[in-house]
């Protein structure tokens, strides 16, 4: 079964302390629904972008480490689910529920299928 990333986007200025009891309850209900449907493979939240480290390979093989996210944008992934879903339509249906529960934009992307040996 294909797997999909359902990524939640937060602005750089996102403050987790603004998450009220209703939002936390809605996310818990969504997680339980995903579990019951056998769709949820993994879920996790991410620390804010100031805690990120980015690595880039430089000519000659040296790896350069910098503080912060890889891209300078106004929004970053704040959390995500990895779901088992039959197709993109099913994954998007979960994404719609995530938008409502998390009160934030969501991106849904299919993982590349790896060739089997």
C-alpha atoms as a PDB file:
ATOM      1  CA  UNK A   1       0.000   0.000   0.000  1.00  0.00           C
ATOM      2  CA  UNK A   2       1.396   3.440  -0.850  1.00  0.00           C
ATOM      3  CA  UNK A   3       2.503   5.736   1.952  1.00  0.00           C
ATOM      4  CA  UNK A   4       1.815   9.454   2.133  1.00  0.00           C
ATOM      5  CA  UNK A   5       3.286  12.332   4.059  1.00  0.00           C
ATOM      6  CA  UNK A   6       0.688  14.665   5.561  1.00  0.00           C
ATOM      7  CA  UNK A   7       2.747  17.681   6.660  1.00  0.00           C
ATOM      8  CA  UNK A   8       1.444  20.487   8.867  1.00  0.00           C
ATOM      9  CA  UNK A   9       2.883  23.947   8.163  1.00  0.00           C
ATOM     10  CA  UNK A  10       3.425  26.583  10.829  1.00  0.00           C
ATOM     11  CA  UNK A  11       4.660  30.158  10.434  1.00  0.00           C
ATOM     12  CA  UNK A  12       8.120  30.974  11.784  1.00  0.00           C
ATOM     13  CA  UNK A  13       6.419  32.845  14.592  1.00  0.00           C
ATOM     14  CA  UNK A  14       4.291  29.860  15.659  1.00  0.00           C
ATOM     15  CA  UNK A  15       3.876  29.601  19.415  1.00  0.00           C
ATOM     16  CA  UNK A  16       2.852  26.114  20.614  1.00  0.00           C
ATOM     17  CA  UNK A  17       1.475  27.632  23.809  1.00  0.00           C
ATOM     18  CA  UNK A  18      -1.444  28.956  21.722  1.00  0.00           C
ATOM     19  CA  UNK A  19      -2.716  25.407  21.222  1.00  0.00           C
ATOM     20  CA  UNK A  20      -5.825  25.252  23.381  1.00  0.00           C
ATOM     21  CA  UNK A  21      -7.508  22.191  24.877  1.00  0.00           C
ATOM     22  CA  UNK A  22     -10.004  22.006  22.002  1.00  0.00           C
ATOM     23  CA  UNK A  23      -7.237  21.823  19.398  1.00  0.00           C
ATOM     24  CA  UNK A  24      -5.309  19.177  21.333  1.00  0.00           C
ATOM     25  CA  UNK A  25      -8.520  17.161  21.719  1.00  0.00           C
ATOM     26  CA  UNK A  26      -9.266  17.461  17.974  1.00  0.00           C
ATOM     27  CA  UNK A  27      -5.771  16.207  17.101  1.00  0.00           C
ATOM     28  CA  UNK A  28      -6.116  13.322  19.577  1.00  0.00           C
ATOM     29  CA  UNK A  29      -9.468  12.360  18.031  1.00  0.00           C
ATOM     30  CA  UNK A  30      -7.923  12.459  14.545  1.00  0.00           C
ATOM     31  CA  UNK A  31      -5.005  10.282  15.678  1.00  0.00           C
ATOM     32  CA  UNK A  32      -7.422   7.770  17.186  1.00  0.00           C
ATOM     33  CA  UNK A  33      -9.479   7.742  13.972  1.00  0.00           C
ATOM     34  CA  UNK A  34      -6.353   7.160  11.869  1.00  0.00           C
ATOM     35  CA  UNK A  35      -5.254   4.340  14.204  1.00  0.00           C
ATOM     36  CA  UNK A  36      -8.682   2.682  14.107  1.00  0.00           C
ATOM     37  CA  UNK A  37      -8.698   2.828  10.299  1.00  0.00           C
ATOM     38  CA  UNK A  38      -5.214   1.307  10.135  1.00  0.00           C
ATOM     39  CA  UNK A  39      -3.960   4.359   8.251  1.00  0.00           C
ATOM     40  CA  UNK A  40      -1.474   5.866  10.700  1.00  0.00           C
ATOM     41  CA  UNK A  41       2.053   4.492  10.287  1.00  0.00           C
ATOM     42  CA  UNK A  42       3.837   7.247  12.233  1.00  0.00           C
ATOM     43  CA  UNK A  43       3.145  10.744  13.526  1.00  0.00           C
ATOM     44  CA  UNK A  44       5.365  13.357  15.112  1.00  0.00           C
ATOM     45  CA  UNK A  45       5.787  17.004  15.909  1.00  0.00           C
ATOM     46  CA  UNK A  46       8.968  18.933  15.212  1.00  0.00           C
ATOM     47  CA  UNK A  47      10.865  21.480  17.261  1.00  0.00           C
ATOM     48  CA  UNK A  48      10.759  25.042  15.930  1.00  0.00           C
ATOM     49  CA  UNK A  49      13.172  26.118  13.193  1.00  0.00           C
ATOM     50  CA  UNK A  50      15.711  27.807  15.509  1.00  0.00           C
ATOM     51  CA  UNK A  51      16.513  24.269  16.767  1.00  0.00           C
ATOM     52  CA  UNK A  52      17.206  22.965  13.245  1.00  0.00           C
ATOM     53  CA  UNK A  53      20.612  22.231  11.742  1.00  0.00           C
ATOM     54  CA  UNK A  54      21.254  22.173   7.999  1.00  0.00           C
ATOM     55  CA  UNK A  55      24.082  20.342   6.290  1.00  0.00           C
ATOM     56  CA  UNK A  56      25.404  20.919   2.789  1.00  0.00           C
ATOM     57  CA  UNK A  57      28.163  19.218   0.876  1.00  0.00           C
ATOM     58  CA  UNK A  58      30.805  21.557  -0.445  1.00  0.00           C
ATOM     59  CA  UNK A  59      33.255  20.955  -3.298  1.00  0.00           C
ATOM     60  CA  UNK A  60      35.979  18.597  -2.167  1.00  0.00           C
ATOM     61  CA  UNK A  61      33.607  16.577   0.003  1.00  0.00           C
ATOM     62  CA  UNK A  62      33.543  18.885   3.039  1.00  0.00           C
ATOM     63  CA  UNK A  63      30.200  19.044   4.844  1.00  0.00           C
ATOM     64  CA  UNK A  64      29.148  22.496   6.005  1.00  0.00           C
ATOM     65  CA  UNK A  65      26.864  22.805   9.049  1.00  0.00           C
ATOM     66  CA  UNK A  66      24.664  25.844   9.723  1.00  0.00           C
ATOM     67  CA  UNK A  67      22.032  26.684  12.308  1.00  0.00           C
ATOM     68  CA  UNK A  68      18.437  26.898  11.185  1.00  0.00           C
ATOM     69  CA  UNK A  69      16.302  25.393   8.453  1.00  0.00           C
ATOM     70  CA  UNK A  70      17.560  24.486   5.006  1.00  0.00           C
ATOM     71  CA  UNK A  71      15.327  27.044   3.284  1.00  0.00           C
ATOM     72  CA  UNK A  72      14.548  30.596   4.294  1.00  0.00           C
ATOM     73  CA  UNK A  73      10.751  30.663   4.121  1.00  0.00           C
ATOM     74  CA  UNK A  74       7.913  32.097   6.167  1.00  0.00           C
ATOM     75  CA  UNK A  75       6.479  28.651   6.981  1.00  0.00           C
ATOM     76  CA  UNK A  76       8.060  25.347   7.963  1.00  0.00           C
ATOM     77  CA  UNK A  77       6.875  21.838   8.723  1.00  0.00           C
ATOM     78  CA  UNK A  78       5.746  21.760  12.339  1.00  0.00           C
ATOM     79  CA  UNK A  79       4.588  18.151  12.434  1.00  0.00           C
ATOM     80  CA  UNK A  80       3.532  15.308  10.210  1.00  0.00           C
ATOM     81  CA  UNK A  81       1.890  11.957   9.766  1.00  0.00           C
ATOM     82  CA  UNK A  82       3.040   9.100   7.579  1.00  0.00           C
ATOM     83  CA  UNK A  83      -0.062   7.266   6.437  1.00  0.00           C
ATOM     84  CA  UNK A  84      -0.833   4.046   4.641  1.00  0.00           C
ATOM     85  CA  UNK A  85      -3.552   4.916   2.135  1.00  0.00           C
ATOM     86  CA  UNK A  86      -4.929   3.195  -0.947  1.00  0.00           C
ATOM     87  CA  UNK A  87      -4.499   6.292  -3.118  1.00  0.00           C
ATOM     88  CA  UNK A  88      -4.021  10.068  -3.133  1.00  0.00           C
ATOM     89  CA  UNK A  89      -7.747  10.693  -2.721  1.00  0.00           C
ATOM     90  CA  UNK A  90      -7.785   8.730   0.539  1.00  0.00           C
ATOM     91  CA  UNK A  91      -4.654  10.533   1.759  1.00  0.00           C
ATOM     92  CA  UNK A  92      -6.178  13.929   0.890  1.00  0.00           C
ATOM     93  CA  UNK A  93      -9.301  12.991   2.856  1.00  0.00           C
ATOM     94  CA  UNK A  94      -7.068  12.546   5.930  1.00  0.00           C
ATOM     95  CA  UNK A  95      -5.308  15.806   5.036  1.00  0.00           C
ATOM     96  CA  UNK A  96      -8.652  17.634   5.073  1.00  0.00           C
ATOM     97  CA  UNK A  97      -9.265  16.379   8.600  1.00  0.00           C
ATOM     98  CA  UNK A  98      -5.741  17.432   9.608  1.00  0.00           C
ATOM     99  CA  UNK A  99      -6.351  20.998   8.357  1.00  0.00           C
ATOM    100  CA  UNK A 100      -9.398  21.246  10.599  1.00  0.00           C
ATOM    101  CA  UNK A 101      -7.838  19.590  13.662  1.00  0.00           C
ATOM    102  CA  UNK A 102      -4.517  21.445  13.475  1.00  0.00           C
ATOM    103  CA  UNK A 103      -5.927  24.767  12.267  1.00  0.00           C
ATOM    104  CA  UNK A 104      -2.983  25.042   9.890  1.00  0.00           C
ATOM    105  CA  UNK A 105      -2.136  24.455   6.215  1.00  0.00           C
ATOM    106  CA  UNK A 106      -1.342  20.885   5.176  1.00  0.00           C
ATOM    107  CA  UNK A 107       0.590  19.321   2.307  1.00  0.00           C
ATOM    108  CA  UNK A 108      -0.002  15.727   1.167  1.00  0.00           C
ATOM    109  CA  UNK A 109       2.704  13.924  -0.821  1.00  0.00           C
ATOM    110  CA  UNK A 110       3.172  10.316  -1.816  1.00  0.00           C
ATOM    111  CA  UNK A 111       6.438   8.609  -0.983  1.00  0.00           C
ATOM    112  CA  UNK A 112       8.392   7.302  -3.932  1.00  0.00           C
ATOM    113  CA  UNK A 113       7.889   3.595  -4.417  1.00  0.00           C
ATOM    114  CA  UNK A 114      11.194   1.827  -3.968  1.00  0.00           C
ATOM    115  CA  UNK A 115      11.956  -1.018  -6.363  1.00  0.00           C
ATOM    116  CA  UNK A 116      11.792  -4.442  -4.757  1.00  0.00           C
ATOM    117  CA  UNK A 117      14.663  -6.872  -5.054  1.00  0.00           C
END
